[in-house]
Amino acid sequence: MSTVWSDWFNTLPSFPGLLAAGLRSPEQAAFSRAWSEGYPEAAMANAWRCADDTFRVMRLHRFPTRTLRWTYSNAILTGVRRNDGWLLLIITRIEPTGEPDPILISWIEAFLADSGK
């Protein structure tokens, strides 16, 4: 895992509703962090692999996909894939307003904008 990316990830501010998040490199190395109990490392690594597979299949079938969101009964998994293959995944509680937290949006914008890492 890139030290630059893991350092970037470790400096991200928390926000209400954040449950877990992780990065997955193009070489399939993963780095995860949980802000809530119930998100063991092995389960997150499997979720990250499945999300990465979904992005790959979508691109294979020529769907222009950069961001995907999976909504579950108690949580939302947001995945963002950069053109260089890096993947950011974030699990949050479902927002009562239906709108993502502004800090979550800032995470995604910073991840996509920081192509120099």
PDB file of N, CA and C in Angstrom:
ATOM      1  N   MET A   1       0.860  -1.178   0.000  1.00  0.00           N
ATOM      2  CA  MET A   1       0.000   0.000   0.000  1.00  0.00           C
ATOM      3  C   MET A   1       0.897   1.228   0.000  1.00  0.00           C
ATOM      4  N   SER A   2       0.578   2.171  -0.823  1.00  0.00           N
ATOM      5  CA  SER A   2       1.323   3.415  -0.904  1.00  0.00           C
ATOM      6  C   SER A   2       1.273   4.159   0.426  1.00  0.00           C
ATOM      7  N   THR A   3       2.451   4.532   0.924  1.00  0.00           N
ATOM      8  CA  THR A   3       2.523   5.292   2.173  1.00  0.00           C
ATOM      9  C   THR A   3       1.837   6.638   2.013  1.00  0.00           C
ATOM     10  N   VAL A   4       1.975   7.252   0.849  1.00  0.00           N
ATOM     11  CA  VAL A   4       1.338   8.547   0.607  1.00  0.00           C
ATOM     12  C   VAL A   4      -0.179   8.419   0.733  1.00  0.00           C
ATOM     13  N   TRP A   5      -0.750   7.387   0.106  1.00  0.00           N
ATOM     14  CA  TRP A   5      -2.200   7.196   0.181  1.00  0.00           C
ATOM     15  C   TRP A   5      -2.643   6.814   1.584  1.00  0.00           C
ATOM     16  N   SER A   6      -1.908   5.946   2.261  1.00  0.00           N
ATOM     17  CA  SER A   6      -2.320   5.572   3.620  1.00  0.00           C
ATOM     18  C   SER A   6      -2.203   6.766   4.562  1.00  0.00           C
ATOM     19  N   ASP A   7      -1.181   7.609   4.384  1.00  0.00           N
ATOM     20  CA  ASP A   7      -1.075   8.833   5.184  1.00  0.00           C
ATOM     21  C   ASP A   7      -2.249   9.761   4.906  1.00  0.00           C
ATOM     22  N   TRP A   8      -2.607   9.914   3.630  1.00  0.00           N
ATOM     23  CA  TRP A   8      -3.755  10.745   3.259  1.00  0.00           C
ATOM     24  C   TRP A   8      -5.022  10.210   3.926  1.00  0.00           C
ATOM     25  N   PHE A   9      -5.212   8.915   3.831  1.00  0.00           N
ATOM     26  CA  PHE A   9      -6.402   8.275   4.393  1.00  0.00           C
ATOM     27  C   PHE A   9      -6.476   8.490   5.909  1.00  0.00           C
ATOM     28  N   ASN A  10      -5.345   8.368   6.584  1.00  0.00           N
ATOM     29  CA  ASN A  10      -5.324   8.510   8.046  1.00  0.00           C
ATOM     30  C   ASN A  10      -5.579   9.931   8.524  1.00  0.00           C
ATOM     31  N   THR A  11      -5.460  10.913   7.648  1.00  0.00           N
ATOM     32  CA  THR A  11      -5.713  12.298   8.052  1.00  0.00           C
ATOM     33  C   THR A  11      -7.142  12.756   7.754  1.00  0.00           C
ATOM     34  N   LEU A  12      -7.943  11.902   7.141  1.00  0.00           N
ATOM     35  CA  LEU A  12      -9.314  12.287   6.814  1.00  0.00           C
ATOM     36  C   LEU A  12     -10.127  12.519   8.082  1.00  0.00           C
ATOM     37  N   PRO A  13     -10.905  13.605   8.108  1.00  0.00           N
ATOM     38  CA  PRO A  13     -11.729  13.864   9.291  1.00  0.00           C
ATOM     39  C   PRO A  13     -12.939  12.940   9.337  1.00  0.00           C
ATOM     40  N   SER A  14     -13.303  12.548  10.527  1.00  0.00           N
ATOM     41  CA  SER A  14     -14.505  11.747  10.722  1.00  0.00           C
ATOM     42  C   SER A  14     -15.734  12.638  10.560  1.00  0.00           C
ATOM     43  N   PHE A  15     -16.892  12.019  10.450  1.00  0.00           N
ATOM     44  CA  PHE A  15     -18.144  12.777  10.386  1.00  0.00           C
ATOM     45  C   PHE A  15     -19.268  11.898  10.933  1.00  0.00           C
ATOM     46  N   PRO A  16     -20.353  12.504  11.371  1.00  0.00           N
ATOM     47  CA  PRO A  16     -21.462  11.718  11.917  1.00  0.00           C
ATOM     48  C   PRO A  16     -21.983  10.713  10.889  1.00  0.00           C
ATOM     49  N   GLY A  17     -22.209   9.506  11.318  1.00  0.00           N
ATOM     50  CA  GLY A  17     -22.729   8.479  10.428  1.00  0.00           C
ATOM     51  C   GLY A  17     -21.671   7.638   9.750  1.00  0.00           C
ATOM     52  N   LEU A  18     -20.392   8.007   9.894  1.00  0.00           N
ATOM     53  CA  LEU A  18     -19.313   7.227   9.287  1.00  0.00           C
ATOM     54  C   LEU A  18     -19.141   5.923  10.056  1.00  0.00           C
ATOM     55  N   LEU A  19     -19.168   4.799   9.352  1.00  0.00           N
ATOM     56  CA  LEU A  19     -19.024   3.490   9.982  1.00  0.00           C
ATOM     57  C   LEU A  19     -17.670   2.852   9.686  1.00  0.00           C
ATOM     58  N   ALA A  20     -17.255   2.896   8.421  1.00  0.00           N
ATOM     59  CA  ALA A  20     -15.982   2.284   8.030  1.00  0.00           C
ATOM     60  C   ALA A  20     -15.589   2.828   6.662  1.00  0.00           C
ATOM     61  N   ALA A  21     -14.304   2.691   6.347  1.00  0.00           N
ATOM     62  CA  ALA A  21     -13.819   3.134   5.042  1.00  0.00           C
ATOM     63  C   ALA A  21     -12.536   2.396   4.717  1.00  0.00           C
ATOM     64  N   GLY A  22     -12.162   2.451   3.456  1.00  0.00           N
ATOM     65  CA  GLY A  22     -10.927   1.805   3.057  1.00  0.00           C
ATOM     66  C   GLY A  22     -10.470   2.245   1.682  1.00  0.00           C
ATOM     67  N   LEU A  23      -9.235   1.909   1.400  1.00  0.00           N
ATOM     68  CA  LEU A  23      -8.626   2.147   0.093  1.00  0.00           C
ATOM     69  C   LEU A  23      -8.193   0.800  -0.466  1.00  0.00           C
ATOM     70  N   ARG A  24      -8.252   0.686  -1.782  1.00  0.00           N
ATOM     71  CA  ARG A  24      -7.759  -0.519  -2.456  1.00  0.00           C
ATOM     72  C   ARG A  24      -6.911  -0.048  -3.628  1.00  0.00           C
ATOM     73  N   SER A  25      -5.698  -0.559  -3.690  1.00  0.00           N
ATOM     74  CA  SER A  25      -4.764  -0.139  -4.734  1.00  0.00           C
ATOM     75  C   SER A  25      -5.015  -0.919  -6.022  1.00  0.00           C
ATOM     76  N   PRO A  26      -4.443  -0.454  -7.129  1.00  0.00           N
ATOM     77  CA  PRO A  26      -4.567  -1.205  -8.384  1.00  0.00           C
ATOM     78  C   PRO A  26      -3.951  -2.602  -8.279  1.00  0.00           C
ATOM     79  N   GLU A  27      -2.997  -2.767  -7.359  1.00  0.00           N
ATOM     80  CA  GLU A  27      -2.373  -4.073  -7.143  1.00  0.00           C
ATOM     81  C   GLU A  27      -3.176  -4.932  -6.166  1.00  0.00           C
ATOM     82  N   GLN A  28      -4.343  -4.444  -5.750  1.00  0.00           N
ATOM     83  CA  GLN A  28      -5.303  -5.128  -4.887  1.00  0.00           C
ATOM     84  C   GLN A  28      -4.897  -5.182  -3.419  1.00  0.00           C
ATOM     85  N   ALA A  29      -3.953  -4.365  -3.013  1.00  0.00           N
ATOM     86  CA  ALA A  29      -3.646  -4.232  -1.586  1.00  0.00           C
ATOM     87  C   ALA A  29      -4.726  -3.342  -0.982  1.00  0.00           C
ATOM     88  N   ALA A  30      -5.170  -3.662   0.231  1.00  0.00           N
ATOM     89  CA  ALA A  30      -6.253  -2.904   0.852  1.00  0.00           C
ATOM     90  C   ALA A  30      -5.842  -2.377   2.217  1.00  0.00           C
ATOM     91  N   PHE A  31      -6.396  -1.240   2.557  1.00  0.00           N
ATOM     92  CA  PHE A  31      -6.187  -0.609   3.855  1.00  0.00           C
ATOM     93  C   PHE A  31      -7.557  -0.167   4.335  1.00  0.00           C
ATOM     94  N   SER A  32      -7.961  -0.591   5.531  1.00  0.00           N
ATOM     95  CA  SER A  32      -9.297  -0.276   6.039  1.00  0.00           C
ATOM     96  C   SER A  32      -9.230   0.283   7.443  1.00  0.00           C
ATOM     97  N   ARG A  33     -10.307   0.961   7.795  1.00  0.00           N
ATOM     98  CA  ARG A  33     -10.441   1.494   9.148  1.00  0.00           C
ATOM     99  C   ARG A  33     -11.922   1.510   9.505  1.00  0.00           C
ATOM    100  N   ALA A  34     -12.250   1.076  10.717  1.00  0.00           N
ATOM    101  CA  ALA A  34     -13.635   1.082  11.186  1.00  0.00           C
ATOM    102  C   ALA A  34     -13.803   2.143  12.260  1.00  0.00           C
ATOM    103  N   TRP A  35     -14.893   2.884  12.180  1.00  0.00           N
ATOM    104  CA  TRP A  35     -15.239   3.872  13.192  1.00  0.00           C
ATOM    105  C   TRP A  35     -16.372   3.350  14.073  1.00  0.00           C
ATOM    106  N   SER A  36     -16.825   2.148  13.776  1.00  0.00           N
ATOM    107  CA  SER A  36     -17.912   1.534  14.512  1.00  0.00           C
ATOM    108  C   SER A  36     -17.642   0.042  14.638  1.00  0.00           C
ATOM    109  N   GLU A  37     -18.116  -0.551  15.712  1.00  0.00           N
ATOM    110  CA  GLU A  37     -17.954  -1.997  15.868  1.00  0.00           C
ATOM    111  C   GLU A  37     -18.816  -2.719  14.841  1.00  0.00           C
ATOM    112  N   GLY A  38     -18.443  -3.938  14.544  1.00  0.00           N
ATOM    113  CA  GLY A  38     -19.219  -4.728  13.607  1.00  0.00           C
ATOM    114  C   GLY A  38     -18.671  -4.716  12.196  1.00  0.00           C
ATOM    115  N   TYR A  39     -17.484  -4.174  12.012  1.00  0.00           N
ATOM    116  CA  TYR A  39     -16.859  -4.125  10.693  1.00  0.00           C
ATOM    117  C   TYR A  39     -15.455  -4.722  10.776  1.00  0.00           C
ATOM    118  N   PRO A  40     -15.369  -6.055  10.909  1.00  0.00           N
ATOM    119  CA  PRO A  40     -14.044  -6.689  11.003  1.00  0.00           C
ATOM    120  C   PRO A  40     -13.253  -6.547   9.705  1.00  0.00           C
ATOM    121  N   GLU A  41     -11.960  -6.522   9.855  1.00  0.00           N
ATOM    122  CA  GLU A  41     -11.047  -6.322   8.723  1.00  0.00           C
ATOM    123  C   GLU A  41     -11.308  -7.309   7.588  1.00  0.00           C
ATOM    124  N   ALA A  42     -11.508  -8.579   7.916  1.00  0.00           N
ATOM    125  CA  ALA A  42     -11.725  -9.596   6.872  1.00  0.00           C
ATOM    126  C   ALA A  42     -13.002  -9.323   6.083  1.00  0.00           C
ATOM    127  N   ALA A  43     -14.046  -8.901   6.756  1.00  0.00           N
ATOM    128  CA  ALA A  43     -15.309  -8.606   6.072  1.00  0.00           C
ATOM    129  C   ALA A  43     -15.158  -7.393   5.165  1.00  0.00           C
ATOM    130  N   MET A  44     -14.447  -6.377   5.655  1.00  0.00           N
ATOM    131  CA  MET A  44     -14.238  -5.190   4.823  1.00  0.00           C
ATOM    132  C   MET A  44     -13.375  -5.525   3.614  1.00  0.00           C
ATOM    133  N   ALA A  45     -12.331  -6.327   3.801  1.00  0.00           N
ATOM    134  CA  ALA A  45     -11.471  -6.704   2.674  1.00  0.00           C
ATOM    135  C   ALA A  45     -12.287  -7.431   1.604  1.00  0.00           C
ATOM    136  N   ASN A  46     -13.207  -8.284   2.024  1.00  0.00           N
ATOM    137  CA  ASN A  46     -14.060  -8.987   1.073  1.00  0.00           C
ATOM    138  C   ASN A  46     -15.007  -8.019   0.365  1.00  0.00           C
ATOM    139  N   ALA A  47     -15.579  -7.078   1.102  1.00  0.00           N
ATOM    140  CA  ALA A  47     -16.468  -6.083   0.495  1.00  0.00           C
ATOM    141  C   ALA A  47     -15.707  -5.234  -0.515  1.00  0.00           C
ATOM    142  N   TRP A  48     -14.470  -4.852  -0.169  1.00  0.00           N
ATOM    143  CA  TRP A  48     -13.659  -4.029  -1.086  1.00  0.00           C
ATOM    144  C   TRP A  48     -13.359  -4.801  -2.365  1.00  0.00           C
ATOM    145  N   ARG A  49     -13.059  -6.100  -2.228  1.00  0.00           N
ATOM    146  CA  ARG A  49     -12.775  -6.919  -3.400  1.00  0.00           C
ATOM    147  C   ARG A  49     -14.010  -7.023  -4.290  1.00  0.00           C
ATOM    148  N   CYS A  50     -15.158  -7.245  -3.687  1.00  0.00           N
ATOM    149  CA  CYS A  50     -16.408  -7.343  -4.453  1.00  0.00           C
ATOM    150  C   CYS A  50     -16.746  -6.027  -5.143  1.00  0.00           C
ATOM    151  N   ALA A  51     -16.555  -4.921  -4.456  1.00  0.00           N
ATOM    152  CA  ALA A  51     -16.814  -3.608  -5.067  1.00  0.00           C
ATOM    153  C   ALA A  51     -15.868  -3.372  -6.239  1.00  0.00           C
ATOM    154  N   ASP A  52     -14.596  -3.716  -6.051  1.00  0.00           N
ATOM    155  CA  ASP A  52     -13.614  -3.560  -7.126  1.00  0.00           C
ATOM    156  C   ASP A  52     -14.016  -4.406  -8.322  1.00  0.00           C
ATOM    157  N   ASP A  53     -14.458  -5.641  -8.080  1.00  0.00           N
ATOM    158  CA  ASP A  53     -14.922  -6.515  -9.166  1.00  0.00           C
ATOM    159  C   ASP A  53     -16.099  -5.880  -9.912  1.00  0.00           C
ATOM    160  N   THR A  54     -17.016  -5.262  -9.174  1.00  0.00           N
ATOM    161  CA  THR A  54     -18.174  -4.621  -9.797  1.00  0.00           C
ATOM    162  C   THR A  54     -17.730  -3.480 -10.714  1.00  0.00           C
ATOM    163  N   PHE A  55     -16.793  -2.654 -10.240  1.00  0.00           N
ATOM    164  CA  PHE A  55     -16.287  -1.572 -11.090  1.00  0.00           C
ATOM    165  C   PHE A  55     -15.646  -2.140 -12.360  1.00  0.00           C
ATOM    166  N   ARG A  56     -14.876  -3.211 -12.212  1.00  0.00           N
ATOM    167  CA  ARG A  56     -14.207  -3.804 -13.375  1.00  0.00           C
ATOM    168  C   ARG A  56     -15.229  -4.330 -14.392  1.00  0.00           C
ATOM    169  N   VAL A  57     -16.268  -4.996 -13.913  1.00  0.00           N
ATOM    170  CA  VAL A  57     -17.294  -5.528 -14.810  1.00  0.00           C
ATOM    171  C   VAL A  57     -18.047  -4.389 -15.496  1.00  0.00           C
ATOM    172  N   MET A  58     -18.360  -3.342 -14.752  1.00  0.00           N
ATOM    173  CA  MET A  58     -19.055  -2.202 -15.350  1.00  0.00           C
ATOM    174  C   MET A  58     -18.208  -1.592 -16.469  1.00  0.00           C
ATOM    175  N   ARG A  59     -16.920  -1.437 -16.233  1.00  0.00           N
ATOM    176  CA  ARG A  59     -16.040  -0.873 -17.274  1.00  0.00           C
ATOM    177  C   ARG A  59     -15.905  -1.825 -18.461  1.00  0.00           C
ATOM    178  N   LEU A  60     -15.838  -3.125 -18.178  1.00  0.00           N
ATOM    179  CA  LEU A  60     -15.747  -4.120 -19.245  1.00  0.00           C
ATOM    180  C   LEU A  60     -16.937  -4.005 -20.191  1.00  0.00           C
ATOM    181  N   HIS A  61     -18.095  -3.690 -19.638  1.00  0.00           N
ATOM    182  CA  HIS A  61     -19.313  -3.548 -20.442  1.00  0.00           C
ATOM    183  C   HIS A  61     -19.576  -2.106 -20.866  1.00  0.00           C
ATOM    184  N   ARG A  62     -18.532  -1.272 -20.721  1.00  0.00           N
ATOM    185  CA  ARG A  62     -18.530   0.114 -21.201  1.00  0.00           C
ATOM    186  C   ARG A  62     -19.529   1.031 -20.487  1.00  0.00           C
ATOM    187  N   PHE A  63     -19.819   0.735 -19.227  1.00  0.00           N
ATOM    188  CA  PHE A  63     -20.593   1.667 -18.419  1.00  0.00           C
ATOM    189  C   PHE A  63     -19.609   2.690 -17.854  1.00  0.00           C
ATOM    190  N   PRO A  64     -19.819   3.975 -18.113  1.00  0.00           N
ATOM    191  CA  PRO A  64     -18.899   4.998 -17.606  1.00  0.00           C
ATOM    192  C   PRO A  64     -19.120   5.203 -16.099  1.00  0.00           C
ATOM    193  N   THR A  65     -18.431   4.428 -15.325  1.00  0.00           N
ATOM    194  CA  THR A  65     -18.683   4.406 -13.886  1.00  0.00           C
ATOM    195  C   THR A  65     -17.481   4.922 -13.117  1.00  0.00           C
ATOM    196  N   ARG A  66     -17.708   5.951 -12.318  1.00  0.00           N
ATOM    197  CA  ARG A  66     -16.684   6.471 -11.418  1.00  0.00           C
ATOM    198  C   ARG A  66     -17.128   6.284  -9.973  1.00  0.00           C
ATOM    199  N   THR A  67     -18.437   6.431  -9.738  1.00  0.00           N
ATOM    200  CA  THR A  67     -18.979   6.309  -8.389  1.00  0.00           C
ATOM    201  C   THR A  67     -20.169   5.365  -8.404  1.00  0.00           C
ATOM    202  N   LEU A  68     -20.188   4.454  -7.432  1.00  0.00           N
ATOM    203  CA  LEU A  68     -21.318   3.547  -7.245  1.00  0.00           C
ATOM    204  C   LEU A  68     -21.761   3.619  -5.795  1.00  0.00           C
ATOM    205  N   ARG A  69     -23.071   3.475  -5.569  1.00  0.00           N
ATOM    206  CA  ARG A  69     -23.602   3.455  -4.202  1.00  0.00           C
ATOM    207  C   ARG A  69     -24.529   2.269  -4.067  1.00  0.00           C
ATOM    208  N   TRP A  70     -24.289   1.499  -3.019  1.00  0.00           N
ATOM    209  CA  TRP A  70     -25.155   0.378  -2.683  1.00  0.00           C
ATOM    210  C   TRP A  70     -25.896   0.755  -1.408  1.00  0.00           C
ATOM    211  N   THR A  71     -27.220   0.693  -1.434  1.00  0.00           N
ATOM    212  CA  THR A  71     -28.017   1.022  -0.263  1.00  0.00           C
ATOM    213  C   THR A  71     -28.550  -0.264   0.350  1.00  0.00           C
ATOM    214  N   TYR A  72     -28.254  -0.431   1.620  1.00  0.00           N
ATOM    215  CA  TYR A  72     -28.714  -1.587   2.381  1.00  0.00           C
ATOM    216  C   TYR A  72     -29.741  -1.106   3.406  1.00  0.00           C
ATOM    217  N   SER A  73     -30.267  -1.997   4.215  1.00  0.00           N
ATOM    218  CA  SER A  73     -31.313  -1.609   5.163  1.00  0.00           C
ATOM    219  C   SER A  73     -30.817  -0.610   6.206  1.00  0.00           C
ATOM    220  N   ASN A  74     -29.551  -0.689   6.623  1.00  0.00           N
ATOM    221  CA  ASN A  74     -29.044   0.198   7.667  1.00  0.00           C
ATOM    222  C   ASN A  74     -27.820   1.009   7.271  1.00  0.00           C
ATOM    223  N   ALA A  75     -27.343   0.838   6.055  1.00  0.00           N
ATOM    224  CA  ALA A  75     -26.098   1.506   5.672  1.00  0.00           C
ATOM    225  C   ALA A  75     -26.026   1.704   4.163  1.00  0.00           C
ATOM    226  N   ILE A  76     -25.105   2.580   3.784  1.00  0.00           N
ATOM    227  CA  ILE A  76     -24.816   2.829   2.368  1.00  0.00           C
ATOM    228  C   ILE A  76     -23.322   2.607   2.156  1.00  0.00           C
ATOM    229  N   LEU A  77     -22.982   1.880   1.115  1.00  0.00           N
ATOM    230  CA  LEU A  77     -21.588   1.701   0.708  1.00  0.00           C
ATOM    231  C   LEU A  77     -21.378   2.553  -0.536  1.00  0.00           C
ATOM    232  N   THR A  78     -20.502   3.533  -0.433  1.00  0.00           N
ATOM    233  CA  THR A  78     -20.154   4.392  -1.559  1.00  0.00           C
ATOM    234  C   THR A  78     -18.766   3.998  -2.034  1.00  0.00           C
ATOM    235  N   GLY A  79     -18.650   3.735  -3.317  1.00  0.00           N
ATOM    236  CA  GLY A  79     -17.366   3.389  -3.910  1.00  0.00           C
ATOM    237  C   GLY A  79     -17.012   4.387  -4.996  1.00  0.00           C
ATOM    238  N   VAL A  80     -15.750   4.806  -5.000  1.00  0.00           N
ATOM    239  CA  VAL A  80     -15.264   5.756  -5.998  1.00  0.00           C
ATOM    240  C   VAL A  80     -13.977   5.184  -6.577  1.00  0.00           C
ATOM    241  N   ARG A  81     -13.925   5.074  -7.887  1.00  0.00           N
ATOM    242  CA  ARG A  81     -12.731   4.526  -8.531  1.00  0.00           C
ATOM    243  C   ARG A  81     -12.102   5.578  -9.421  1.00  0.00           C
ATOM    244  N   ARG A  82     -10.806   5.766  -9.226  1.00  0.00           N
ATOM    245  CA  ARG A  82     -10.033   6.703 -10.044  1.00  0.00           C
ATOM    246  C   ARG A  82      -9.590   6.008 -11.327  1.00  0.00           C
ATOM    247  N   ASN A  83      -9.214   6.795 -12.316  1.00  0.00           N
ATOM    248  CA  ASN A  83      -8.752   6.234 -13.584  1.00  0.00           C
ATOM    249  C   ASN A  83      -7.474   5.416 -13.432  1.00  0.00           C
ATOM    250  N   ASP A  84      -6.671   5.711 -12.386  1.00  0.00           N
ATOM    251  CA  ASP A  84      -5.437   4.956 -12.173  1.00  0.00           C
ATOM    252  C   ASP A  84      -5.670   3.648 -11.418  1.00  0.00           C
ATOM    253  N   GLY A  85      -6.937   3.322 -11.111  1.00  0.00           N
ATOM    254  CA  GLY A  85      -7.265   2.047 -10.480  1.00  0.00           C
ATOM    255  C   GLY A  85      -7.445   2.077  -8.983  1.00  0.00           C
ATOM    256  N   TRP A  86      -7.118   3.186  -8.321  1.00  0.00           N
ATOM    257  CA  TRP A  86      -7.317   3.288  -6.872  1.00  0.00           C
ATOM    258  C   TRP A  86      -8.806   3.367  -6.572  1.00  0.00           C
ATOM    259  N   LEU A  87      -9.202   2.732  -5.478  1.00  0.00           N
ATOM    260  CA  LEU A  87     -10.604   2.663  -5.093  1.00  0.00           C
ATOM    261  C   LEU A  87     -10.760   3.144  -3.655  1.00  0.00           C
ATOM    262  N   LEU A  88     -11.694   4.064  -3.431  1.00  0.00           N
ATOM    263  CA  LEU A  88     -12.052   4.542  -2.102  1.00  0.00           C
ATOM    264  C   LEU A  88     -13.443   4.029  -1.801  1.00  0.00           C
ATOM    265  N   LEU A  89     -13.611   3.384  -0.649  1.00  0.00           N
ATOM    266  CA  LEU A  89     -14.900   2.842  -0.245  1.00  0.00           C
ATOM    267  C   LEU A  89     -15.257   3.356   1.133  1.00  0.00           C
ATOM    268  N   ILE A  90     -16.514   3.766   1.288  1.00  0.00           N
ATOM    269  CA  ILE A  90     -16.956   4.366   2.539  1.00  0.00           C
ATOM    270  C   ILE A  90     -18.318   3.777   2.910  1.00  0.00           C
ATOM    271  N   ILE A  91     -18.435   3.308   4.139  1.00  0.00           N
ATOM    272  CA  ILE A  91     -19.714   2.804   4.640  1.00  0.00           C
ATOM    273  C   ILE A  91     -20.248   3.812   5.646  1.00  0.00           C
ATOM    274  N   THR A  92     -21.484   4.278   5.407  1.00  0.00           N
ATOM    275  CA  THR A  92     -22.113   5.269   6.273  1.00  0.00           C
ATOM    276  C   THR A  92     -23.521   4.805   6.651  1.00  0.00           C
ATOM    277  N   ARG A  93     -24.021   5.387   7.716  1.00  0.00           N
ATOM    278  CA  ARG A  93     -25.433   5.194   8.034  1.00  0.00           C
ATOM    279  C   ARG A  93     -26.262   5.895   6.969  1.00  0.00           C
ATOM    280  N   ILE A  94     -27.493   5.473   6.828  1.00  0.00           N
ATOM    281  CA  ILE A  94     -28.390   6.134   5.891  1.00  0.00           C
ATOM    282  C   ILE A  94     -28.775   7.487   6.471  1.00  0.00           C
ATOM    283  N   GLU A  95     -28.574   8.526   5.682  1.00  0.00           N
ATOM    284  CA  GLU A  95     -28.888   9.889   6.119  1.00  0.00           C
ATOM    285  C   GLU A  95     -30.392  10.117   6.072  1.00  0.00           C
ATOM    286  N   PRO A  96     -30.977  10.675   7.150  1.00  0.00           N
ATOM    287  CA  PRO A  96     -32.418  10.951   7.137  1.00  0.00           C
ATOM    288  C   PRO A  96     -32.827  11.897   6.005  1.00  0.00           C
ATOM    289  N   THR A  97     -31.923  12.798   5.631  1.00  0.00           N
ATOM    290  CA  THR A  97     -32.235  13.755   4.567  1.00  0.00           C
ATOM    291  C   THR A  97     -32.085  13.138   3.177  1.00  0.00           C
ATOM    292  N   GLY A  98     -31.394  12.004   3.103  1.00  0.00           N
ATOM    293  CA  GLY A  98     -31.119  11.385   1.811  1.00  0.00           C
ATOM    294  C   GLY A  98     -29.908  11.968   1.108  1.00  0.00           C
ATOM    295  N   GLU A  99     -29.318  12.995   1.691  1.00  0.00           N
ATOM    296  CA  GLU A  99     -28.149  13.659   1.103  1.00  0.00           C
ATOM    297  C   GLU A  99     -26.882  13.221   1.818  1.00  0.00           C
ATOM    298  N   PRO A 100     -25.793  12.981   1.084  1.00  0.00           N
ATOM    299  CA  PRO A 100     -24.528  12.623   1.729  1.00  0.00           C
ATOM    300  C   PRO A 100     -23.983  13.765   2.577  1.00  0.00           C
ATOM    301  N   ASP A 101     -23.277  13.416   3.631  1.00  0.00           N
ATOM    302  CA  ASP A 101     -22.648  14.410   4.503  1.00  0.00           C
ATOM    303  C   ASP A 101     -21.646  15.236   3.684  1.00  0.00           C
ATOM    304  N   PRO A 102     -21.568  16.540   3.933  1.00  0.00           N
ATOM    305  CA  PRO A 102     -20.603  17.385   3.199  1.00  0.00           C
ATOM    306  C   PRO A 102     -19.158  16.924   3.367  1.00  0.00           C
ATOM    307  N   ILE A 103     -18.816  16.356   4.508  1.00  0.00           N
ATOM    308  CA  ILE A 103     -17.437  15.868   4.691  1.00  0.00           C
ATOM    309  C   ILE A 103     -17.192  14.660   3.796  1.00  0.00           C
ATOM    310  N   LEU A 104     -18.182  13.792   3.656  1.00  0.00           N
ATOM    311  CA  LEU A 104     -18.057  12.659   2.732  1.00  0.00           C
ATOM    312  C   LEU A 104     -17.813  13.172   1.320  1.00  0.00           C
ATOM    313  N   ILE A 105     -18.551  14.161   0.921  1.00  0.00           N
ATOM    314  CA  ILE A 105     -18.360  14.745  -0.418  1.00  0.00           C
ATOM    315  C   ILE A 105     -16.948  15.307  -0.549  1.00  0.00           C
ATOM    316  N   SER A 106     -16.437  15.950   0.497  1.00  0.00           N
ATOM    317  CA  SER A 106     -15.075  16.498   0.437  1.00  0.00           C
ATOM    318  C   SER A 106     -14.044  15.381   0.317  1.00  0.00           C
ATOM    319  N   TRP A 107     -14.280  14.235   0.980  1.00  0.00           N
ATOM    320  CA  TRP A 107     -13.382  13.078   0.839  1.00  0.00           C
ATOM    321  C   TRP A 107     -13.306  12.665  -0.631  1.00  0.00           C
ATOM    322  N   ILE A 108     -14.470  12.523  -1.239  1.00  0.00           N
ATOM    323  CA  ILE A 108     -14.540  12.040  -2.628  1.00  0.00           C
ATOM    324  C   ILE A 108     -13.875  13.039  -3.561  1.00  0.00           C
ATOM    325  N   GLU A 109     -14.164  14.315  -3.383  1.00  0.00           N
ATOM    326  CA  GLU A 109     -13.552  15.335  -4.242  1.00  0.00           C
ATOM    327  C   GLU A 109     -12.036  15.339  -4.107  1.00  0.00           C
ATOM    328  N   ALA A 110     -11.537  15.232  -2.883  1.00  0.00           N
ATOM    329  CA  ALA A 110     -10.089  15.215  -2.671  1.00  0.00           C
ATOM    330  C   ALA A 110      -9.461  13.966  -3.290  1.00  0.00           C
ATOM    331  N   PHE A 111     -10.113  12.845  -3.149  1.00  0.00           N
ATOM    332  CA  PHE A 111      -9.624  11.581  -3.711  1.00  0.00           C
ATOM    333  C   PHE A 111      -9.524  11.668  -5.228  1.00  0.00           C
ATOM    334  N   LEU A 112     -10.550  12.214  -5.856  1.00  0.00           N
ATOM    335  CA  LEU A 112     -10.542  12.316  -7.319  1.00  0.00           C
ATOM    336  C   LEU A 112      -9.599  13.390  -7.827  1.00  0.00           C
ATOM    337  N   ALA A 113      -9.453  14.471  -7.085  1.00  0.00           N
ATOM    338  CA  ALA A 113      -8.613  15.591  -7.526  1.00  0.00           C
ATOM    339  C   ALA A 113      -7.132  15.333  -7.353  1.00  0.00           C
ATOM    340  N   ASP A 114      -6.775  14.487  -6.409  1.00  0.00           N
ATOM    341  CA  ASP A 114      -5.366  14.316  -6.060  1.00  0.00           C
ATOM    342  C   ASP A 114      -4.703  13.259  -6.933  1.00  0.00           C
ATOM    343  N   SER A 115      -4.631  13.553  -8.230  1.00  0.00           N
ATOM    344  CA  SER A 115      -4.071  12.589  -9.167  1.00  0.00           C
ATOM    345  C   SER A 115      -2.550  12.510  -9.123  1.00  0.00           C
ATOM    346  N   GLY A 116      -1.923  13.350  -8.330  1.00  0.00           N
ATOM    347  CA  GLY A 116      -0.468  13.344  -8.255  1.00  0.00           C
ATOM    348  C   GLY A 116       0.087  12.374  -7.238  1.00  0.00           C
ATOM    349  N   LYS A 117      -0.752  11.635  -6.545  1.00  0.00           N
ATOM    350  CA  LYS A 117      -0.260  10.706  -5.515  1.00  0.00           C
ATOM    351  C   LYS A 117       0.378   9.505  -6.144  1.00  0.00           C
TER     352      LYS A 117
END
